[in-house]
């Protein structure tokens, strides 16, 4: 329903699943200045754009999801953290690959184990090695590495792996 090829073709819910209502699909998503937008519209180099573009763009995920939760004939994209905070108001749908594998729903576990793809994106911290000589930078990085996973979980972000990767 969200793939680029669906644009202009999949416009009613019963086209997605014949048992669903014959009602127009209203789509909401991230505006062009968000990381979610960049993920969905630029995709990655291997697969290209992964989302259609004919939806109502919102400044914030909150706006998209409020619009979506107002009626069952709407769909919105959002970051996992917002969905995790609002599971009582929103329903997730599985990402289904064309390969015929069963769909994968977003959860802390599916993001961590890598099965929720291609719609997961890592957020990295990069530190110039020379900058680590500065005490305040070193202290910040040590704090980040010590407390980052706990703080990430508190805001429903997926935490860093337990072992640093190189």
N, C-alpha and C. Protein backbone atom coordinates (compact mmCIF):
# COMPACT_ATOMS: atom_id res chain seq x y z
N UNK A 1 0.82 -1.19 0.00
CA UNK A 1 0.00 0.00 0.00
C UNK A 1 0.87 1.26 0.00
N UNK A 2 2.02 1.22 0.67
CA UNK A 2 2.89 2.40 0.73
C UNK A 2 4.00 2.37 -0.31
N UNK A 3 4.17 1.27 -1.02
CA UNK A 3 5.29 1.20 -1.96
C UNK A 3 5.07 2.16 -3.13
N UNK A 4 6.14 2.62 -3.77
CA UNK A 4 6.00 3.60 -4.85
C UNK A 4 5.06 3.17 -5.97
N UNK A 5 5.05 1.89 -6.31
CA UNK A 5 4.19 1.41 -7.39
C UNK A 5 2.71 1.48 -7.08
N UNK A 6 2.35 1.64 -5.81
CA UNK A 6 0.93 1.73 -5.42
C UNK A 6 0.36 3.12 -5.64
N UNK A 7 1.23 4.10 -5.82
CA UNK A 7 0.78 5.48 -5.97
C UNK A 7 -0.15 5.61 -7.17
N UNK A 8 -1.34 6.16 -6.94
CA UNK A 8 -2.32 6.34 -8.01
C UNK A 8 -3.08 5.08 -8.38
N UNK A 9 -2.67 3.93 -7.85
CA UNK A 9 -3.32 2.65 -8.19
C UNK A 9 -4.08 2.08 -7.00
N UNK A 10 -3.45 2.03 -5.84
CA UNK A 10 -4.10 1.52 -4.63
C UNK A 10 -4.65 2.72 -3.88
N UNK A 11 -5.94 2.94 -4.03
CA UNK A 11 -6.58 4.14 -3.47
C UNK A 11 -7.73 3.81 -2.51
N UNK A 12 -8.10 2.52 -2.45
CA UNK A 12 -9.20 2.09 -1.59
C UNK A 12 -8.75 0.90 -0.75
N UNK A 13 -9.29 0.82 0.47
CA UNK A 13 -8.87 -0.23 1.39
C UNK A 13 -9.15 -1.64 0.87
N UNK A 14 -10.25 -1.83 0.14
CA UNK A 14 -10.55 -3.17 -0.35
C UNK A 14 -9.60 -3.62 -1.46
N UNK A 15 -8.78 -2.72 -1.97
CA UNK A 15 -7.74 -3.11 -2.91
C UNK A 15 -6.55 -3.74 -2.18
N UNK A 16 -6.39 -3.39 -0.93
CA UNK A 16 -5.33 -3.97 -0.11
C UNK A 16 -5.76 -5.36 0.37
N UNK A 17 -7.00 -5.46 0.83
CA UNK A 17 -7.56 -6.72 1.30
C UNK A 17 -9.05 -6.69 0.98
N UNK A 18 -9.55 -7.63 0.17
CA UNK A 18 -10.96 -7.60 -0.23
C UNK A 18 -11.95 -7.62 0.94
N UNK A 19 -11.53 -8.09 2.10
CA UNK A 19 -12.44 -8.12 3.25
C UNK A 19 -12.53 -6.77 3.96
N UNK A 20 -11.70 -5.82 3.56
CA UNK A 20 -11.71 -4.49 4.17
C UNK A 20 -12.72 -3.60 3.46
N UNK A 21 -13.11 -2.48 4.06
CA UNK A 21 -14.17 -1.63 3.48
C UNK A 21 -13.80 -1.02 2.13
N UNK A 22 -14.82 -0.78 1.34
CA UNK A 22 -14.65 -0.07 0.08
C UNK A 22 -14.67 1.42 0.42
N UNK A 23 -13.56 1.88 0.97
CA UNK A 23 -13.44 3.27 1.43
C UNK A 23 -12.10 3.82 0.97
N UNK A 24 -12.04 5.12 0.72
CA UNK A 24 -10.76 5.70 0.27
C UNK A 24 -9.70 5.63 1.36
N UNK A 25 -8.48 5.39 0.93
CA UNK A 25 -7.34 5.39 1.84
C UNK A 25 -6.85 6.82 1.96
N UNK A 26 -6.66 7.27 3.17
CA UNK A 26 -6.07 8.58 3.44
C UNK A 26 -4.72 8.32 4.10
N UNK A 27 -3.67 8.83 3.49
CA UNK A 27 -2.31 8.57 3.97
C UNK A 27 -1.68 9.82 4.58
N UNK A 28 -0.95 9.64 5.67
CA UNK A 28 -0.26 10.72 6.37
C UNK A 28 1.16 10.27 6.66
N UNK A 29 2.08 11.20 6.63
CA UNK A 29 3.46 10.84 6.91
C UNK A 29 4.33 12.02 7.21
N UNK A 30 5.59 11.73 7.35
CA UNK A 30 6.58 12.71 7.75
C UNK A 30 6.83 13.75 6.67
N UNK A 31 7.13 14.96 7.12
CA UNK A 31 7.52 16.03 6.21
C UNK A 31 8.95 15.84 5.72
N UNK A 32 9.32 16.62 4.73
CA UNK A 32 10.61 16.46 4.06
C UNK A 32 11.82 16.72 4.94
N UNK A 33 11.65 17.35 6.09
CA UNK A 33 12.80 17.65 6.94
C UNK A 33 13.05 16.60 8.02
N UNK A 34 12.39 15.47 7.95
CA UNK A 34 12.56 14.45 8.99
C UNK A 34 13.43 13.28 8.52
N UNK A 35 14.02 12.59 9.46
CA UNK A 35 14.80 11.40 9.16
C UNK A 35 13.92 10.28 8.62
N UNK A 36 12.69 10.19 9.11
CA UNK A 36 11.76 9.17 8.62
C UNK A 36 11.46 9.42 7.14
N UNK A 37 11.26 10.66 6.76
CA UNK A 37 11.02 10.99 5.36
C UNK A 37 12.21 10.55 4.51
N UNK A 38 13.41 10.90 4.96
CA UNK A 38 14.60 10.54 4.19
C UNK A 38 14.72 9.03 4.04
N UNK A 39 14.41 8.29 5.08
CA UNK A 39 14.47 6.83 5.00
C UNK A 39 13.47 6.31 3.97
N UNK A 40 12.24 6.80 4.01
CA UNK A 40 11.19 6.28 3.14
C UNK A 40 11.30 6.75 1.70
N UNK A 41 11.82 7.94 1.49
CA UNK A 41 11.84 8.48 0.14
C UNK A 41 13.17 8.34 -0.57
N UNK A 42 14.22 8.24 0.18
CA UNK A 42 15.51 8.00 -0.45
C UNK A 42 15.82 6.52 -0.40
N UNK A 43 15.29 5.82 0.61
CA UNK A 43 15.58 4.40 0.75
C UNK A 43 17.06 4.19 0.99
N UNK A 44 17.55 3.07 0.56
CA UNK A 44 18.99 2.88 0.63
C UNK A 44 19.49 2.61 -0.78
N UNK A 45 20.79 2.63 -0.94
CA UNK A 45 21.36 2.54 -2.28
C UNK A 45 21.00 1.25 -2.99
N UNK A 46 20.74 0.19 -2.26
CA UNK A 46 20.44 -1.10 -2.88
C UNK A 46 19.03 -1.16 -3.43
N UNK A 47 18.08 -0.49 -2.80
CA UNK A 47 16.70 -0.68 -3.22
C UNK A 47 16.00 0.58 -3.69
N UNK A 48 16.56 1.74 -3.52
CA UNK A 48 15.92 2.96 -3.98
C UNK A 48 14.76 3.37 -3.08
N UNK A 49 13.91 4.23 -3.61
CA UNK A 49 12.77 4.77 -2.85
C UNK A 49 11.86 3.63 -2.40
N UNK A 50 11.41 3.69 -1.15
CA UNK A 50 10.57 2.62 -0.62
C UNK A 50 9.16 3.08 -0.27
N UNK A 51 8.80 4.32 -0.60
CA UNK A 51 7.46 4.81 -0.26
C UNK A 51 6.88 5.64 -1.38
N UNK A 52 5.55 5.58 -1.47
CA UNK A 52 4.86 6.44 -2.42
C UNK A 52 4.89 7.88 -1.91
N UNK A 53 4.58 8.83 -2.76
CA UNK A 53 4.67 10.23 -2.37
C UNK A 53 3.35 10.96 -2.27
N UNK A 54 2.23 10.30 -2.56
CA UNK A 54 0.93 10.99 -2.56
C UNK A 54 0.22 10.88 -1.22
N UNK A 55 0.79 11.51 -0.23
CA UNK A 55 0.19 11.49 1.11
C UNK A 55 0.25 12.90 1.68
N UNK A 56 -0.46 13.12 2.77
CA UNK A 56 -0.44 14.41 3.44
C UNK A 56 0.76 14.44 4.37
N UNK A 57 1.69 15.34 4.10
CA UNK A 57 2.89 15.47 4.94
C UNK A 57 2.57 16.32 6.16
N UNK A 58 3.10 15.90 7.28
CA UNK A 58 2.90 16.63 8.53
C UNK A 58 4.24 17.07 9.09
N UNK A 59 4.23 18.16 9.84
CA UNK A 59 5.46 18.65 10.46
C UNK A 59 5.98 17.69 11.51
N UNK A 60 5.06 17.01 12.19
CA UNK A 60 5.47 16.12 13.27
C UNK A 60 4.75 14.79 13.18
N UNK A 61 5.36 13.78 13.78
CA UNK A 61 4.72 12.47 13.86
C UNK A 61 3.42 12.57 14.64
N UNK A 62 3.40 13.41 15.66
CA UNK A 62 2.18 13.58 16.46
C UNK A 62 1.02 13.99 15.58
N UNK A 63 1.24 14.94 14.68
CA UNK A 63 0.17 15.39 13.77
C UNK A 63 -0.28 14.25 12.86
N UNK A 64 0.65 13.52 12.29
CA UNK A 64 0.31 12.41 11.40
C UNK A 64 -0.51 11.37 12.11
N UNK A 65 -0.07 11.00 13.30
CA UNK A 65 -0.74 9.92 14.02
C UNK A 65 -2.06 10.35 14.62
N UNK A 66 -2.19 11.61 15.01
CA UNK A 66 -3.50 12.11 15.47
C UNK A 66 -4.50 12.05 14.33
N UNK A 67 -4.08 12.47 13.16
CA UNK A 67 -4.96 12.41 11.99
C UNK A 67 -5.33 10.97 11.68
N UNK A 68 -4.37 10.10 11.80
CA UNK A 68 -4.59 8.69 11.51
C UNK A 68 -5.53 8.04 12.50
N UNK A 69 -5.35 8.33 13.78
CA UNK A 69 -6.16 7.67 14.80
C UNK A 69 -7.60 8.17 14.84
N UNK A 70 -7.91 9.22 14.09
CA UNK A 70 -9.27 9.78 14.08
C UNK A 70 -10.27 8.86 13.39
N UNK A 71 -9.83 8.03 12.49
CA UNK A 71 -10.72 7.11 11.77
C UNK A 71 -9.93 5.90 11.29
N UNK A 72 -10.63 4.81 11.06
CA UNK A 72 -9.96 3.58 10.64
C UNK A 72 -9.61 3.56 9.16
N UNK A 73 -9.96 4.58 8.40
CA UNK A 73 -9.64 4.60 6.97
C UNK A 73 -8.38 5.39 6.67
N UNK A 74 -7.56 5.60 7.69
CA UNK A 74 -6.33 6.37 7.50
C UNK A 74 -5.13 5.55 7.90
N UNK A 75 -4.00 5.87 7.29
CA UNK A 75 -2.75 5.20 7.60
C UNK A 75 -1.66 6.26 7.69
N UNK A 76 -0.73 6.06 8.61
CA UNK A 76 0.37 7.02 8.78
C UNK A 76 1.67 6.28 9.03
N UNK A 77 2.76 6.91 8.60
CA UNK A 77 4.07 6.41 8.95
C UNK A 77 4.56 7.18 10.16
N UNK A 78 5.35 6.51 10.99
CA UNK A 78 5.92 7.20 12.14
C UNK A 78 7.16 6.46 12.59
N UNK A 79 7.92 7.11 13.44
CA UNK A 79 9.04 6.45 14.05
C UNK A 79 8.56 5.47 15.12
N UNK A 80 9.37 4.48 15.42
CA UNK A 80 9.00 3.46 16.39
C UNK A 80 8.72 4.05 17.77
N UNK A 81 9.50 5.04 18.18
CA UNK A 81 9.33 5.61 19.52
C UNK A 81 7.91 6.15 19.70
N UNK A 82 7.38 6.83 18.69
CA UNK A 82 6.03 7.37 18.81
C UNK A 82 5.01 6.24 18.86
N UNK A 83 5.18 5.25 18.01
CA UNK A 83 4.25 4.11 18.03
C UNK A 83 4.29 3.42 19.41
N UNK A 84 5.48 3.18 19.92
CA UNK A 84 5.62 2.49 21.21
C UNK A 84 4.92 3.25 22.33
N UNK A 85 4.97 4.58 22.30
CA UNK A 85 4.31 5.40 23.32
C UNK A 85 2.78 5.42 23.17
N UNK A 86 2.29 5.10 21.98
CA UNK A 86 0.85 5.26 21.69
C UNK A 86 0.20 3.98 21.19
N UNK A 87 0.67 2.84 21.63
CA UNK A 87 0.13 1.57 21.15
C UNK A 87 -1.36 1.41 21.45
N UNK A 88 -1.85 2.07 22.48
CA UNK A 88 -3.28 1.99 22.80
C UNK A 88 -4.15 2.73 21.80
N UNK A 89 -3.58 3.67 21.07
CA UNK A 89 -4.34 4.47 20.11
C UNK A 89 -4.09 4.07 18.67
N UNK A 90 -2.97 3.39 18.44
CA UNK A 90 -2.56 3.06 17.07
C UNK A 90 -2.43 1.56 16.89
N UNK A 91 -2.53 1.13 15.67
CA UNK A 91 -2.33 -0.27 15.33
C UNK A 91 -1.21 -0.34 14.31
N UNK A 92 -0.25 -1.22 14.55
CA UNK A 92 0.83 -1.36 13.58
C UNK A 92 0.44 -2.40 12.54
N UNK A 93 1.02 -2.27 11.40
CA UNK A 93 0.83 -3.28 10.36
C UNK A 93 2.20 -3.86 10.02
N UNK A 94 2.23 -5.14 9.67
CA UNK A 94 3.53 -5.75 9.38
C UNK A 94 4.09 -5.27 8.05
N UNK A 95 5.41 -5.24 7.98
CA UNK A 95 6.08 -4.97 6.73
C UNK A 95 6.20 -6.31 6.01
N UNK A 96 5.65 -6.36 4.81
CA UNK A 96 5.66 -7.60 4.05
C UNK A 96 6.57 -7.42 2.84
N UNK A 97 7.54 -8.28 2.73
CA UNK A 97 8.44 -8.24 1.58
C UNK A 97 7.79 -9.00 0.43
N UNK A 98 8.21 -8.69 -0.77
CA UNK A 98 7.65 -9.36 -1.94
C UNK A 98 8.07 -10.82 -2.02
N UNK A 99 9.06 -11.20 -1.21
CA UNK A 99 9.56 -12.56 -1.26
C UNK A 99 8.57 -13.59 -0.73
N UNK A 100 7.46 -13.15 -0.17
CA UNK A 100 6.46 -14.06 0.34
C UNK A 100 6.66 -14.47 1.78
N UNK A 101 7.66 -13.93 2.43
CA UNK A 101 7.88 -14.22 3.84
C UNK A 101 6.75 -13.59 4.65
N UNK A 102 6.48 -14.14 5.85
CA UNK A 102 5.44 -13.52 6.68
C UNK A 102 5.85 -12.10 7.08
N UNK A 103 4.85 -11.27 7.30
CA UNK A 103 5.12 -9.88 7.67
C UNK A 103 5.75 -9.79 9.05
N UNK A 104 6.50 -8.71 9.25
CA UNK A 104 7.17 -8.47 10.52
C UNK A 104 6.64 -7.17 11.11
N UNK A 105 6.13 -7.24 12.34
CA UNK A 105 5.62 -6.05 13.01
C UNK A 105 6.74 -5.35 13.77
N UNK A 106 6.63 -4.03 13.94
CA UNK A 106 7.67 -3.31 14.67
C UNK A 106 7.60 -3.62 16.16
N UNK A 107 8.76 -3.90 16.73
CA UNK A 107 8.90 -4.09 18.18
C UNK A 107 10.36 -3.87 18.51
N UNK A 108 10.65 -3.67 19.77
CA UNK A 108 12.04 -3.52 20.19
C UNK A 108 12.84 -4.74 19.74
N UNK A 109 12.25 -5.93 19.88
CA UNK A 109 12.94 -7.17 19.55
C UNK A 109 13.21 -7.30 18.05
N UNK A 110 12.21 -6.98 17.21
CA UNK A 110 12.41 -7.16 15.77
C UNK A 110 13.39 -6.14 15.20
N UNK A 111 13.47 -4.97 15.81
CA UNK A 111 14.47 -4.00 15.36
C UNK A 111 15.86 -4.48 15.79
N UNK A 112 15.98 -4.92 17.05
CA UNK A 112 17.27 -5.37 17.56
C UNK A 112 17.80 -6.60 16.83
N UNK A 113 16.91 -7.55 16.50
CA UNK A 113 17.41 -8.77 15.84
C UNK A 113 17.55 -8.62 14.33
N UNK A 114 17.18 -7.44 13.80
CA UNK A 114 17.38 -7.17 12.38
C UNK A 114 16.28 -7.69 11.47
N UNK A 115 15.22 -8.29 12.02
CA UNK A 115 14.16 -8.82 11.17
C UNK A 115 13.20 -7.74 10.69
N UNK A 116 13.16 -6.59 11.36
CA UNK A 116 12.30 -5.49 10.92
C UNK A 116 13.10 -4.64 9.94
N UNK A 117 13.14 -5.06 8.72
CA UNK A 117 13.88 -4.40 7.66
C UNK A 117 12.96 -4.24 6.47
N UNK A 118 13.08 -3.31 5.63
CA UNK A 118 14.15 -2.32 5.54
C UNK A 118 13.85 -1.04 6.30
N UNK A 119 12.84 -1.05 7.14
CA UNK A 119 12.39 0.20 7.75
C UNK A 119 12.99 0.47 9.12
N UNK A 120 14.21 0.08 9.33
CA UNK A 120 14.91 0.44 10.56
C UNK A 120 16.16 1.19 10.14
N UNK A 121 16.47 2.23 10.86
CA UNK A 121 17.68 2.99 10.53
C UNK A 121 18.47 3.27 11.79
N UNK A 122 19.74 2.99 11.75
CA UNK A 122 20.57 3.27 12.92
C UNK A 122 20.90 4.76 13.01
N UNK A 123 21.09 5.20 14.21
CA UNK A 123 21.55 6.56 14.45
C UNK A 123 22.90 6.42 15.14
N UNK A 124 23.92 6.99 14.55
CA UNK A 124 25.28 6.81 15.03
C UNK A 124 25.81 8.04 15.76
N UNK A 125 26.83 7.83 16.54
CA UNK A 125 27.61 8.92 17.11
C UNK A 125 29.02 8.76 16.54
N UNK A 126 29.54 9.83 16.01
CA UNK A 126 30.90 9.84 15.46
C UNK A 126 31.72 10.84 16.26
N UNK A 127 32.90 10.43 16.65
CA UNK A 127 33.77 11.29 17.44
C UNK A 127 35.14 11.31 16.79
N UNK A 128 35.61 12.50 16.54
CA UNK A 128 36.96 12.67 16.02
C UNK A 128 37.94 12.23 17.10
N UNK A 129 38.87 11.35 16.76
CA UNK A 129 39.82 10.81 17.74
C UNK A 129 40.60 11.92 18.44
N UNK A 130 40.97 12.96 17.71
CA UNK A 130 41.72 14.08 18.29
C UNK A 130 40.85 14.80 19.34
N UNK A 131 39.55 14.89 19.08
CA UNK A 131 38.64 15.56 20.02
C UNK A 131 38.56 14.83 21.36
N UNK A 132 38.80 13.53 21.35
CA UNK A 132 38.74 12.77 22.60
C UNK A 132 39.83 13.19 23.59
N UNK A 133 40.80 13.93 23.12
CA UNK A 133 41.83 14.45 24.02
C UNK A 133 41.28 15.57 24.90
N UNK A 134 40.17 16.17 24.48
CA UNK A 134 39.55 17.22 25.28
C UNK A 134 38.74 16.57 26.39
N UNK A 135 38.95 16.95 27.65
CA UNK A 135 38.28 16.28 28.77
C UNK A 135 36.76 16.29 28.67
N UNK A 136 36.17 17.41 28.23
CA UNK A 136 34.71 17.48 28.16
C UNK A 136 34.14 16.55 27.10
N UNK A 137 34.86 16.38 25.99
CA UNK A 137 34.40 15.46 24.95
C UNK A 137 34.53 14.02 25.44
N UNK A 138 35.67 13.72 26.03
CA UNK A 138 35.88 12.37 26.57
C UNK A 138 34.82 12.03 27.60
N UNK A 139 34.51 12.97 28.49
CA UNK A 139 33.51 12.74 29.53
C UNK A 139 32.13 12.52 28.91
N UNK A 140 31.78 13.32 27.89
CA UNK A 140 30.49 13.15 27.22
C UNK A 140 30.39 11.78 26.57
N UNK A 141 31.42 11.36 25.86
CA UNK A 141 31.39 10.06 25.18
C UNK A 141 31.30 8.93 26.20
N UNK A 142 32.04 9.04 27.30
CA UNK A 142 31.96 8.02 28.34
C UNK A 142 30.54 7.96 28.92
N UNK A 143 29.94 9.12 29.16
CA UNK A 143 28.57 9.17 29.67
C UNK A 143 27.61 8.52 28.66
N UNK A 144 27.76 8.88 27.41
CA UNK A 144 26.90 8.36 26.34
C UNK A 144 27.01 6.84 26.27
N UNK A 145 28.22 6.32 26.29
CA UNK A 145 28.42 4.89 26.19
C UNK A 145 27.93 4.15 27.44
N UNK A 146 28.02 4.79 28.59
CA UNK A 146 27.59 4.16 29.85
C UNK A 146 26.07 4.21 30.01
N UNK A 147 25.46 5.33 29.68
CA UNK A 147 24.04 5.54 29.96
C UNK A 147 23.14 5.57 28.72
N UNK A 148 23.74 5.56 27.54
CA UNK A 148 22.96 5.71 26.31
C UNK A 148 21.87 4.67 26.12
N UNK A 149 22.16 3.42 26.40
CA UNK A 149 21.15 2.37 26.20
C UNK A 149 19.96 2.56 27.12
N UNK A 150 20.22 2.87 28.38
CA UNK A 150 19.13 3.09 29.34
C UNK A 150 18.29 4.30 28.91
N UNK A 151 18.94 5.39 28.54
CA UNK A 151 18.21 6.59 28.12
C UNK A 151 17.43 6.34 26.83
N UNK A 152 18.01 5.59 25.91
CA UNK A 152 17.31 5.27 24.67
C UNK A 152 16.03 4.50 24.96
N UNK A 153 16.11 3.51 25.83
CA UNK A 153 14.91 2.73 26.19
C UNK A 153 13.84 3.61 26.84
N UNK A 154 14.27 4.56 27.66
CA UNK A 154 13.30 5.44 28.33
C UNK A 154 12.45 6.24 27.35
N UNK A 155 13.04 6.61 26.22
CA UNK A 155 12.30 7.39 25.22
C UNK A 155 11.81 6.50 24.07
N UNK A 156 11.85 5.18 24.30
CA UNK A 156 11.36 4.17 23.34
C UNK A 156 12.20 4.08 22.08
N UNK A 157 13.44 4.53 22.14
CA UNK A 157 14.36 4.30 21.05
C UNK A 157 14.98 2.94 21.26
N UNK A 158 15.50 2.36 20.22
CA UNK A 158 16.17 1.07 20.33
C UNK A 158 17.59 1.34 20.82
N UNK A 159 18.02 0.67 21.88
CA UNK A 159 19.33 0.96 22.45
C UNK A 159 20.49 0.48 21.59
N UNK A 160 21.65 1.01 21.94
CA UNK A 160 22.88 0.56 21.29
C UNK A 160 23.09 -0.92 21.55
N UNK A 161 23.81 -1.60 20.68
CA UNK A 161 24.15 -2.99 20.98
C UNK A 161 25.01 -3.03 22.25
N UNK A 162 25.02 -4.18 22.91
CA UNK A 162 25.78 -4.28 24.16
C UNK A 162 27.27 -4.21 23.92
N UNK A 163 27.72 -4.58 22.73
CA UNK A 163 29.13 -4.48 22.40
C UNK A 163 29.30 -3.46 21.28
N UNK A 164 30.27 -2.58 21.40
CA UNK A 164 30.50 -1.61 20.32
C UNK A 164 30.88 -2.33 19.02
N UNK A 165 30.43 -1.77 17.90
CA UNK A 165 30.80 -2.33 16.61
C UNK A 165 31.79 -1.41 15.93
N UNK A 166 32.58 -1.96 15.07
CA UNK A 166 33.56 -1.15 14.33
C UNK A 166 33.38 -1.35 12.87
